[in-house]
Amino acid sequence: MGCLKIDRVETLTLGTSAQTVGVHGLACLIQNNSESATVYFKEAREDGKKATSSNGFALAAGKTTEIPLVAMDLSLVASAASTDVRVLILDMG
């Protein structure tokens, strides 16, 4: 596998309504900067549905995904308002 370079960082303030980030098939890491809220995420194009606490993968408060994920449209939602989240989008360099 070649080197991954930073394509961009998406800064999100999530609440209980899902937001979508266009990842466009690139690898990404998700960082949940909240001290208490859980973030749920999923690929939005797979079934056309936005992330919820019942269909998304949970990322606990203060955690970062440990391996890069690949998605086209990443849907994210939080368990509380004003949840600070970063999505680091990577590209092959």
PDB file of N, CA and C in Angstrom:
ATOM      1  N   MET A   1       0.849  -1.176   0.000  1.00  0.00           N
ATOM      2  CA  MET A   1       0.000   0.000   0.000  1.00  0.00           C
ATOM      3  C   MET A   1       0.890   1.232   0.000  1.00  0.00           C
ATOM      4  N   GLY A   2       0.553   2.223  -0.813  1.00  0.00           N
ATOM      5  CA  GLY A   2       1.317   3.455  -0.882  1.00  0.00           C
ATOM      6  C   GLY A   2       1.023   4.366   0.290  1.00  0.00           C
ATOM      7  N   CYS A   3       1.655   5.491   0.278  1.00  0.00           N
ATOM      8  CA  CYS A   3       1.446   6.486   1.336  1.00  0.00           C
ATOM      9  C   CYS A   3       0.082   7.142   1.178  1.00  0.00           C
ATOM     10  N   LEU A   4      -0.495   7.501   2.289  1.00  0.00           N
ATOM     11  CA  LEU A   4      -1.740   8.260   2.277  1.00  0.00           C
ATOM     12  C   LEU A   4      -1.404   9.716   2.575  1.00  0.00           C
ATOM     13  N   LYS A   5      -1.960  10.630   1.793  1.00  0.00           N
ATOM     14  CA  LYS A   5      -1.753  12.051   2.057  1.00  0.00           C
ATOM     15  C   LYS A   5      -3.077  12.663   2.503  1.00  0.00           C
ATOM     16  N   ILE A   6      -2.977  13.732   3.228  1.00  0.00           N
ATOM     17  CA  ILE A   6      -4.182  14.418   3.680  1.00  0.00           C
ATOM     18  C   ILE A   6      -4.801  15.156   2.503  1.00  0.00           C
ATOM     19  N   ASP A   7      -6.043  14.828   2.213  1.00  0.00           N
ATOM     20  CA  ASP A   7      -6.797  15.533   1.183  1.00  0.00           C
ATOM     21  C   ASP A   7      -7.439  16.778   1.795  1.00  0.00           C
ATOM     22  N   ARG A   8      -8.129  16.569   2.925  1.00  0.00           N
ATOM     23  CA  ARG A   8      -8.752  17.693   3.640  1.00  0.00           C
ATOM     24  C   ARG A   8      -9.280  17.204   4.987  1.00  0.00           C
ATOM     25  N   VAL A   9      -9.613  18.166   5.835  1.00  0.00           N
ATOM     26  CA  VAL A   9     -10.234  17.881   7.125  1.00  0.00           C
ATOM     27  C   VAL A   9     -11.587  18.578   7.139  1.00  0.00           C
ATOM     28  N   GLU A  10     -12.639  17.817   7.364  1.00  0.00           N
ATOM     29  CA  GLU A  10     -13.980  18.381   7.504  1.00  0.00           C
ATOM     30  C   GLU A  10     -14.242  18.595   8.988  1.00  0.00           C
ATOM     31  N   THR A  11     -14.601  19.815   9.358  1.00  0.00           N
ATOM     32  CA  THR A  11     -14.929  20.155  10.738  1.00  0.00           C
ATOM     33  C   THR A  11     -16.440  20.233  10.858  1.00  0.00           C
ATOM     34  N   LEU A  12     -17.016  19.407  11.735  1.00  0.00           N
ATOM     35  CA  LEU A  12     -18.465  19.335  11.875  1.00  0.00           C
ATOM     36  C   LEU A  12     -18.890  19.653  13.294  1.00  0.00           C
ATOM     37  N   THR A  13     -20.038  20.280  13.410  1.00  0.00           N
ATOM     38  CA  THR A  13     -20.722  20.417  14.690  1.00  0.00           C
ATOM     39  C   THR A  13     -22.010  19.638  14.534  1.00  0.00           C
ATOM     40  N   LEU A  14     -22.008  18.424  15.052  1.00  0.00           N
ATOM     41  CA  LEU A  14     -23.146  17.526  14.881  1.00  0.00           C
ATOM     42  C   LEU A  14     -24.173  17.702  15.979  1.00  0.00           C
ATOM     43  N   GLY A  15     -25.394  17.385  15.630  1.00  0.00           N
ATOM     44  CA  GLY A  15     -26.491  17.319  16.580  1.00  0.00           C
ATOM     45  C   GLY A  15     -27.264  16.048  16.320  1.00  0.00           C
ATOM     46  N   THR A  16     -28.544  16.078  16.648  1.00  0.00           N
ATOM     47  CA  THR A  16     -29.362  14.877  16.516  1.00  0.00           C
ATOM     48  C   THR A  16     -29.992  14.735  15.128  1.00  0.00           C
ATOM     49  N   SER A  17     -29.660  15.635  14.201  1.00  0.00           N
ATOM     50  CA  SER A  17     -30.036  15.496  12.796  1.00  0.00           C
ATOM     51  C   SER A  17     -28.777  15.145  12.013  1.00  0.00           C
ATOM     52  N   ALA A  18     -28.857  14.117  11.197  1.00  0.00           N
ATOM     53  CA  ALA A  18     -27.683  13.619  10.478  1.00  0.00           C
ATOM     54  C   ALA A  18     -27.147  14.637   9.473  1.00  0.00           C
ATOM     55  N   GLN A  19     -25.836  14.642   9.316  1.00  0.00           N
ATOM     56  CA  GLN A  19     -25.155  15.420   8.284  1.00  0.00           C
ATOM     57  C   GLN A  19     -24.404  14.443   7.393  1.00  0.00           C
ATOM     58  N   THR A  20     -24.210  14.838   6.136  1.00  0.00           N
ATOM     59  CA  THR A  20     -23.499  13.987   5.185  1.00  0.00           C
ATOM     60  C   THR A  20     -22.228  14.680   4.722  1.00  0.00           C
ATOM     61  N   VAL A  21     -21.142  13.925   4.686  1.00  0.00           N
ATOM     62  CA  VAL A  21     -19.861  14.413   4.177  1.00  0.00           C
ATOM     63  C   VAL A  21     -19.540  13.612   2.919  1.00  0.00           C
ATOM     64  N   GLY A  22     -19.276  14.315   1.831  1.00  0.00           N
ATOM     65  CA  GLY A  22     -18.888  13.652   0.590  1.00  0.00           C
ATOM     66  C   GLY A  22     -17.434  13.224   0.664  1.00  0.00           C
ATOM     67  N   VAL A  23     -17.198  11.938   0.810  1.00  0.00           N
ATOM     68  CA  VAL A  23     -15.844  11.404   0.915  1.00  0.00           C
ATOM     69  C   VAL A  23     -15.337  10.961  -0.467  1.00  0.00           C
ATOM     70  N   HIS A  24     -16.264  10.677  -1.385  1.00  0.00           N
ATOM     71  CA  HIS A  24     -15.966  10.391  -2.787  1.00  0.00           C
ATOM     72  C   HIS A  24     -15.034   9.193  -2.988  1.00  0.00           C
ATOM     73  N   GLY A  25     -15.222   8.153  -2.177  1.00  0.00           N
ATOM     74  CA  GLY A  25     -14.441   6.928  -2.328  1.00  0.00           C
ATOM     75  C   GLY A  25     -13.052   6.968  -1.731  1.00  0.00           C
ATOM     76  N   LEU A  26     -12.737   8.031  -1.016  1.00  0.00           N
ATOM     77  CA  LEU A  26     -11.422   8.137  -0.382  1.00  0.00           C
ATOM     78  C   LEU A  26     -11.466   7.535   1.023  1.00  0.00           C
ATOM     79  N   ALA A  27     -10.307   7.235   1.558  1.00  0.00           N
ATOM     80  CA  ALA A  27     -10.199   6.739   2.932  1.00  0.00           C
ATOM     81  C   ALA A  27     -10.392   7.912   3.898  1.00  0.00           C
ATOM     82  N   CYS A  28     -10.910   7.616   5.077  1.00  0.00           N
ATOM     83  CA  CYS A  28     -11.094   8.675   6.067  1.00  0.00           C
ATOM     84  C   CYS A  28     -10.991   8.111   7.481  1.00  0.00           C
ATOM     85  N   LEU A  29     -10.691   9.002   8.408  1.00  0.00           N
ATOM     86  CA  LEU A  29     -10.710   8.710   9.837  1.00  0.00           C
ATOM     87  C   LEU A  29     -11.690   9.678  10.481  1.00  0.00           C
ATOM     88  N   ILE A  30     -12.379   9.222  11.529  1.00  0.00           N
ATOM     89  CA  ILE A  30     -13.353  10.062  12.227  1.00  0.00           C
ATOM     90  C   ILE A  30     -12.890  10.253  13.654  1.00  0.00           C
ATOM     91  N   GLN A  31     -12.903  11.501  14.114  1.00  0.00           N
ATOM     92  CA  GLN A  31     -12.495  11.828  15.482  1.00  0.00           C
ATOM     93  C   GLN A  31     -13.679  12.482  16.192  1.00  0.00           C
ATOM     94  N   ASN A  32     -14.084  11.898  17.319  1.00  0.00           N
ATOM     95  CA  ASN A  32     -15.158  12.439  18.139  1.00  0.00           C
ATOM     96  C   ASN A  32     -14.514  13.208  19.290  1.00  0.00           C
ATOM     97  N   ASN A  33     -14.572  14.533  19.250  1.00  0.00           N
ATOM     98  CA  ASN A  33     -13.931  15.367  20.266  1.00  0.00           C
ATOM     99  C   ASN A  33     -14.808  15.643  21.483  1.00  0.00           C
ATOM    100  N   SER A  34     -15.997  15.103  21.509  1.00  0.00           N
ATOM    101  CA  SER A  34     -16.903  15.323  22.635  1.00  0.00           C
ATOM    102  C   SER A  34     -16.422  14.573  23.875  1.00  0.00           C
ATOM    103  N   GLU A  35     -16.726  15.124  25.026  1.00  0.00           N
ATOM    104  CA  GLU A  35     -16.401  14.447  26.286  1.00  0.00           C
ATOM    105  C   GLU A  35     -17.520  13.516  26.731  1.00  0.00           C
ATOM    106  N   SER A  36     -18.706  13.620  26.086  1.00  0.00           N
ATOM    107  CA  SER A  36     -19.821  12.799  26.560  1.00  0.00           C
ATOM    108  C   SER A  36     -20.709  12.227  25.452  1.00  0.00           C
ATOM    109  N   ALA A  37     -20.769  12.840  24.286  1.00  0.00           N
ATOM    110  CA  ALA A  37     -21.693  12.385  23.234  1.00  0.00           C
ATOM    111  C   ALA A  37     -21.092  11.246  22.408  1.00  0.00           C
ATOM    112  N   THR A  38     -21.955  10.365  21.957  1.00  0.00           N
ATOM    113  CA  THR A  38     -21.584   9.302  21.034  1.00  0.00           C
ATOM    114  C   THR A  38     -21.909   9.763  19.619  1.00  0.00           C
ATOM    115  N   VAL A  39     -21.050   9.433  18.675  1.00  0.00           N
ATOM    116  CA  VAL A  39     -21.288   9.716  17.262  1.00  0.00           C
ATOM    117  C   VAL A  39     -21.591   8.399  16.554  1.00  0.00           C
ATOM    118  N   TYR A  40     -22.593   8.410  15.696  1.00  0.00           N
ATOM    119  CA  TYR A  40     -22.963   7.238  14.906  1.00  0.00           C
ATOM    120  C   TYR A  40     -22.721   7.572  13.441  1.00  0.00           C
ATOM    121  N   PHE A  41     -22.149   6.617  12.691  1.00  0.00           N
ATOM    122  CA  PHE A  41     -21.867   6.888  11.289  1.00  0.00           C
ATOM    123  C   PHE A  41     -22.125   5.664  10.432  1.00  0.00           C
ATOM    124  N   LYS A  42     -22.358   5.898   9.143  1.00  0.00           N
ATOM    125  CA  LYS A  42     -22.566   4.824   8.175  1.00  0.00           C
ATOM    126  C   LYS A  42     -22.406   5.392   6.775  1.00  0.00           C
ATOM    127  N   GLU A  43     -22.256   4.511   5.809  1.00  0.00           N
ATOM    128  CA  GLU A  43     -22.231   4.885   4.396  1.00  0.00           C
ATOM    129  C   GLU A  43     -23.659   5.215   3.980  1.00  0.00           C
ATOM    130  N   ALA A  44     -23.887   6.421   3.496  1.00  0.00           N
ATOM    131  CA  ALA A  44     -25.249   6.849   3.159  1.00  0.00           C
ATOM    132  C   ALA A  44     -25.752   6.254   1.853  1.00  0.00           C
ATOM    133  N   ARG A  45     -24.870   5.998   0.905  1.00  0.00           N
ATOM    134  CA  ARG A  45     -25.315   5.518  -0.406  1.00  0.00           C
ATOM    135  C   ARG A  45     -25.702   4.051  -0.415  1.00  0.00           C
ATOM    136  N   GLU A  46     -25.253   3.311   0.579  1.00  0.00           N
ATOM    137  CA  GLU A  46     -25.530   1.875   0.602  1.00  0.00           C
ATOM    138  C   GLU A  46     -27.030   1.600   0.535  1.00  0.00           C
ATOM    139  N   ASP A  47     -27.804   2.255   1.359  1.00  0.00           N
ATOM    140  CA  ASP A  47     -29.250   2.039   1.381  1.00  0.00           C
ATOM    141  C   ASP A  47     -30.038   3.344   1.270  1.00  0.00           C
ATOM    142  N   GLY A  48     -29.338   4.471   1.103  1.00  0.00           N
ATOM    143  CA  GLY A  48     -30.007   5.765   0.968  1.00  0.00           C
ATOM    144  C   GLY A  48     -30.512   6.348   2.275  1.00  0.00           C
ATOM    145  N   LYS A  49     -30.199   5.698   3.393  1.00  0.00           N
ATOM    146  CA  LYS A  49     -30.689   6.172   4.687  1.00  0.00           C
ATOM    147  C   LYS A  49     -29.590   6.898   5.447  1.00  0.00           C
ATOM    148  N   LYS A  50     -29.976   7.918   6.206  1.00  0.00           N
ATOM    149  CA  LYS A  50     -29.031   8.656   7.036  1.00  0.00           C
ATOM    150  C   LYS A  50     -28.727   7.868   8.309  1.00  0.00           C
ATOM    151  N   ALA A  51     -27.602   8.185   8.919  1.00  0.00           N
ATOM    152  CA  ALA A  51     -27.202   7.504  10.159  1.00  0.00           C
ATOM    153  C   ALA A  51     -28.155   7.843  11.301  1.00  0.00           C
ATOM    154  N   THR A  52     -28.418   6.841  12.113  1.00  0.00           N
ATOM    155  CA  THR A  52     -29.179   7.001  13.348  1.00  0.00           C
ATOM    156  C   THR A  52     -28.481   6.164  14.421  1.00  0.00           C
ATOM    157  N   SER A  53     -28.953   6.285  15.646  1.00  0.00           N
ATOM    158  CA  SER A  53     -28.366   5.476  16.722  1.00  0.00           C
ATOM    159  C   SER A  53     -28.683   3.994  16.537  1.00  0.00           C
ATOM    160  N   SER A  54     -29.709   3.673  15.759  1.00  0.00           N
ATOM    161  CA  SER A  54     -30.062   2.257  15.570  1.00  0.00           C
ATOM    162  C   SER A  54     -29.437   1.622  14.331  1.00  0.00           C
ATOM    163  N   ASN A  55     -29.004   2.419  13.336  1.00  0.00           N
ATOM    164  CA  ASN A  55     -28.417   1.809  12.147  1.00  0.00           C
ATOM    165  C   ASN A  55     -26.951   2.186  11.921  1.00  0.00           C
ATOM    166  N   GLY A  56     -26.416   3.079  12.752  1.00  0.00           N
ATOM    167  CA  GLY A  56     -25.041   3.524  12.586  1.00  0.00           C
ATOM    168  C   GLY A  56     -24.062   2.782  13.480  1.00  0.00           C
ATOM    169  N   PHE A  57     -22.790   2.909  13.145  1.00  0.00           N
ATOM    170  CA  PHE A  57     -21.712   2.342  13.949  1.00  0.00           C
ATOM    171  C   PHE A  57     -21.329   3.383  14.998  1.00  0.00           C
ATOM    172  N   ALA A  58     -21.261   2.997  16.257  1.00  0.00           N
ATOM    173  CA  ALA A  58     -21.027   3.942  17.351  1.00  0.00           C
ATOM    174  C   ALA A  58     -19.546   4.240  17.553  1.00  0.00           C
ATOM    175  N   LEU A  59     -19.247   5.530  17.727  1.00  0.00           N
ATOM    176  CA  LEU A  59     -17.901   5.986  18.075  1.00  0.00           C
ATOM    177  C   LEU A  59     -18.036   6.746  19.390  1.00  0.00           C
ATOM    178  N   ALA A  60     -17.487   6.184  20.446  1.00  0.00           N
ATOM    179  CA  ALA A  60     -17.643   6.745  21.789  1.00  0.00           C
ATOM    180  C   ALA A  60     -16.960   8.107  21.927  1.00  0.00           C
ATOM    181  N   ALA A  61     -17.367   8.823  22.940  1.00  0.00           N
ATOM    182  CA  ALA A  61     -16.798  10.141  23.238  1.00  0.00           C
ATOM    183  C   ALA A  61     -15.285  10.054  23.382  1.00  0.00           C
ATOM    184  N   GLY A  62     -14.593  11.017  22.768  1.00  0.00           N
ATOM    185  CA  GLY A  62     -13.145  11.096  22.876  1.00  0.00           C
ATOM    186  C   GLY A  62     -12.369  10.086  22.044  1.00  0.00           C
ATOM    187  N   LYS A  63     -13.037   9.357  21.186  1.00  0.00           N
ATOM    188  CA  LYS A  63     -12.385   8.298  20.406  1.00  0.00           C
ATOM    189  C   LYS A  63     -12.204   8.695  18.941  1.00  0.00           C
ATOM    190  N   THR A  64     -11.262   7.995  18.282  1.00  0.00           N
ATOM    191  CA  THR A  64     -10.997   8.146  16.855  1.00  0.00           C
ATOM    192  C   THR A  64     -11.015   6.763  16.237  1.00  0.00           C
ATOM    193  N   THR A  65     -11.577   6.645  15.021  1.00  0.00           N
ATOM    194  CA  THR A  65     -11.515   5.351  14.348  1.00  0.00           C
ATOM    195  C   THR A  65     -10.050   4.973  14.182  1.00  0.00           C
ATOM    196  N   GLU A  66      -9.735   3.702  14.346  1.00  0.00           N
ATOM    197  CA  GLU A  66      -8.336   3.261  14.360  1.00  0.00           C
ATOM    198  C   GLU A  66      -7.798   2.872  12.989  1.00  0.00           C
ATOM    199  N   ILE A  67      -8.687   2.558  12.063  1.00  0.00           N
ATOM    200  CA  ILE A  67      -8.246   2.223  10.707  1.00  0.00           C
ATOM    201  C   ILE A  67      -9.014   3.100   9.725  1.00  0.00           C
ATOM    202  N   PRO A  68      -8.415   3.437   8.590  1.00  0.00           N
ATOM    203  CA  PRO A  68      -9.130   4.255   7.606  1.00  0.00           C
ATOM    204  C   PRO A  68     -10.357   3.523   7.064  1.00  0.00           C
ATOM    205  N   LEU A  69     -11.429   4.264   6.892  1.00  0.00           N
ATOM    206  CA  LEU A  69     -12.667   3.762   6.320  1.00  0.00           C
ATOM    207  C   LEU A  69     -12.810   4.337   4.918  1.00  0.00           C
ATOM    208  N   VAL A  70     -13.478   3.634   4.035  1.00  0.00           N
ATOM    209  CA  VAL A  70     -13.724   4.141   2.688  1.00  0.00           C
ATOM    210  C   VAL A  70     -15.223   4.259   2.503  1.00  0.00           C
ATOM    211  N   ALA A  71     -15.654   5.403   1.984  1.00  0.00           N
ATOM    212  CA  ALA A  71     -17.076   5.641   1.746  1.00  0.00           C
ATOM    213  C   ALA A  71     -17.229   6.606   0.583  1.00  0.00           C
ATOM    214  N   MET A  72     -18.433   6.673   0.044  1.00  0.00           N
ATOM    215  CA  MET A  72     -18.755   7.693  -0.948  1.00  0.00           C
ATOM    216  C   MET A  72     -19.353   8.902  -0.226  1.00  0.00           C
ATOM    217  N   ASP A  73     -20.465   8.674   0.458  1.00  0.00           N
ATOM    218  CA  ASP A  73     -21.111   9.700   1.274  1.00  0.00           C
ATOM    219  C   ASP A  73     -21.218   9.159   2.686  1.00  0.00           C
ATOM    220  N   LEU A  74     -20.565   9.808   3.619  1.00  0.00           N
ATOM    221  CA  LEU A  74     -20.553   9.379   5.008  1.00  0.00           C
ATOM    222  C   LEU A  74     -21.616  10.157   5.776  1.00  0.00           C
ATOM    223  N   SER A  75     -22.554   9.457   6.366  1.00  0.00           N
ATOM    224  CA  SER A  75     -23.607  10.077   7.160  1.00  0.00           C
ATOM    225  C   SER A  75     -23.230   9.956   8.632  1.00  0.00           C
ATOM    226  N   LEU A  76     -23.337  11.081   9.363  1.00  0.00           N
ATOM    227  CA  LEU A  76     -22.971  11.106  10.782  1.00  0.00           C
ATOM    228  C   LEU A  76     -24.049  11.815  11.591  1.00  0.00           C
ATOM    229  N   VAL A  77     -24.263  11.351  12.806  1.00  0.00           N
ATOM    230  CA  VAL A  77     -25.209  11.972  13.717  1.00  0.00           C
ATOM    231  C   VAL A  77     -24.680  11.782  15.142  1.00  0.00           C
ATOM    232  N   ALA A  78     -25.038  12.673  16.039  1.00  0.00           N
ATOM    233  CA  ALA A  78     -24.561  12.595  17.429  1.00  0.00           C
ATOM    234  C   ALA A  78     -25.724  12.367  18.384  1.00  0.00           C
ATOM    235  N   SER A  79     -25.386  11.942  19.576  1.00  0.00           N
ATOM    236  CA  SER A  79     -26.402  11.722  20.603  1.00  0.00           C
ATOM    237  C   SER A  79     -26.758  13.011  21.340  1.00  0.00           C
ATOM    238  N   ALA A  80     -26.036  14.099  21.041  1.00  0.00           N
ATOM    239  CA  ALA A  80     -26.295  15.392  21.694  1.00  0.00           C
ATOM    240  C   ALA A  80     -25.953  16.532  20.740  1.00  0.00           C
ATOM    241  N   ALA A  81     -26.514  17.685  21.015  1.00  0.00           N
ATOM    242  CA  ALA A  81     -26.250  18.871  20.188  1.00  0.00           C
ATOM    243  C   ALA A  81     -24.820  19.363  20.383  1.00  0.00           C
ATOM    244  N   SER A  82     -24.330  20.103  19.414  1.00  0.00           N
ATOM    245  CA  SER A  82     -23.026  20.779  19.463  1.00  0.00           C
ATOM    246  C   SER A  82     -21.861  19.815  19.699  1.00  0.00           C
ATOM    247  N   THR A  83     -21.903  18.666  19.045  1.00  0.00           N
ATOM    248  CA  THR A  83     -20.834  17.675  19.169  1.00  0.00           C
ATOM    249  C   THR A  83     -19.752  17.960  18.134  1.00  0.00           C
ATOM    250  N   ASP A  84     -18.530  18.187  18.595  1.00  0.00           N
ATOM    251  CA  ASP A  84     -17.390  18.527  17.736  1.00  0.00           C
ATOM    252  C   ASP A  84     -16.796  17.250  17.151  1.00  0.00           C
ATOM    253  N   VAL A  85     -16.786  17.171  15.812  1.00  0.00           N
ATOM    254  CA  VAL A  85     -16.291  15.987  15.111  1.00  0.00           C
ATOM    255  C   VAL A  85     -15.388  16.429  13.967  1.00  0.00           C
ATOM    256  N   ARG A  86     -14.339  15.669  13.726  1.00  0.00           N
ATOM    257  CA  ARG A  86     -13.453  15.902  12.585  1.00  0.00           C
ATOM    258  C   ARG A  86     -13.451  14.659  11.705  1.00  0.00           C
ATOM    259  N   VAL A  87     -13.467  14.875  10.392  1.00  0.00           N
ATOM    260  CA  VAL A  87     -13.317  13.783   9.445  1.00  0.00           C
ATOM    261  C   VAL A  87     -12.072  14.100   8.630  1.00  0.00           C
ATOM    262  N   LEU A  88     -11.037  13.283   8.819  1.00  0.00           N
ATOM    263  CA  LEU A  88      -9.782  13.428   8.089  1.00  0.00           C
ATOM    264  C   LEU A  88      -9.906  12.582   6.837  1.00  0.00           C
ATOM    265  N   ILE A  89      -9.864  13.235   5.676  1.00  0.00           N
ATOM    266  CA  ILE A  89     -10.014  12.540   4.401  1.00  0.00           C
ATOM    267  C   ILE A  89      -8.636  12.392   3.767  1.00  0.00           C
ATOM    268  N   LEU A  90      -8.324  11.149   3.416  1.00  0.00           N
ATOM    269  CA  LEU A  90      -6.986  10.796   2.931  1.00  0.00           C
ATOM    270  C   LEU A  90      -7.042  10.363   1.469  1.00  0.00           C
ATOM    271  N   ASP A  91      -5.934  10.538   0.772  1.00  0.00           N
ATOM    272  CA  ASP A  91      -5.839  10.146  -0.626  1.00  0.00           C
ATOM    273  C   ASP A  91      -4.498   9.442  -0.821  1.00  0.00           C
ATOM    274  N   MET A  92      -4.442   8.568  -1.817  1.00  0.00           N
ATOM    275  CA  MET A  92      -3.168   7.897  -2.109  1.00  0.00           C
ATOM    276  C   MET A  92      -2.187   8.920  -2.645  1.00  0.00           C
ATOM    277  N   GLY A  93      -0.983   8.919  -2.112  1.00  0.00           N
ATOM    278  CA  GLY A  93       0.017   9.903  -2.522  1.00  0.00           C
ATOM    279  C   GLY A  93       1.085   9.318  -3.381  1.00  0.00           C
TER     280      GLY A  93
END
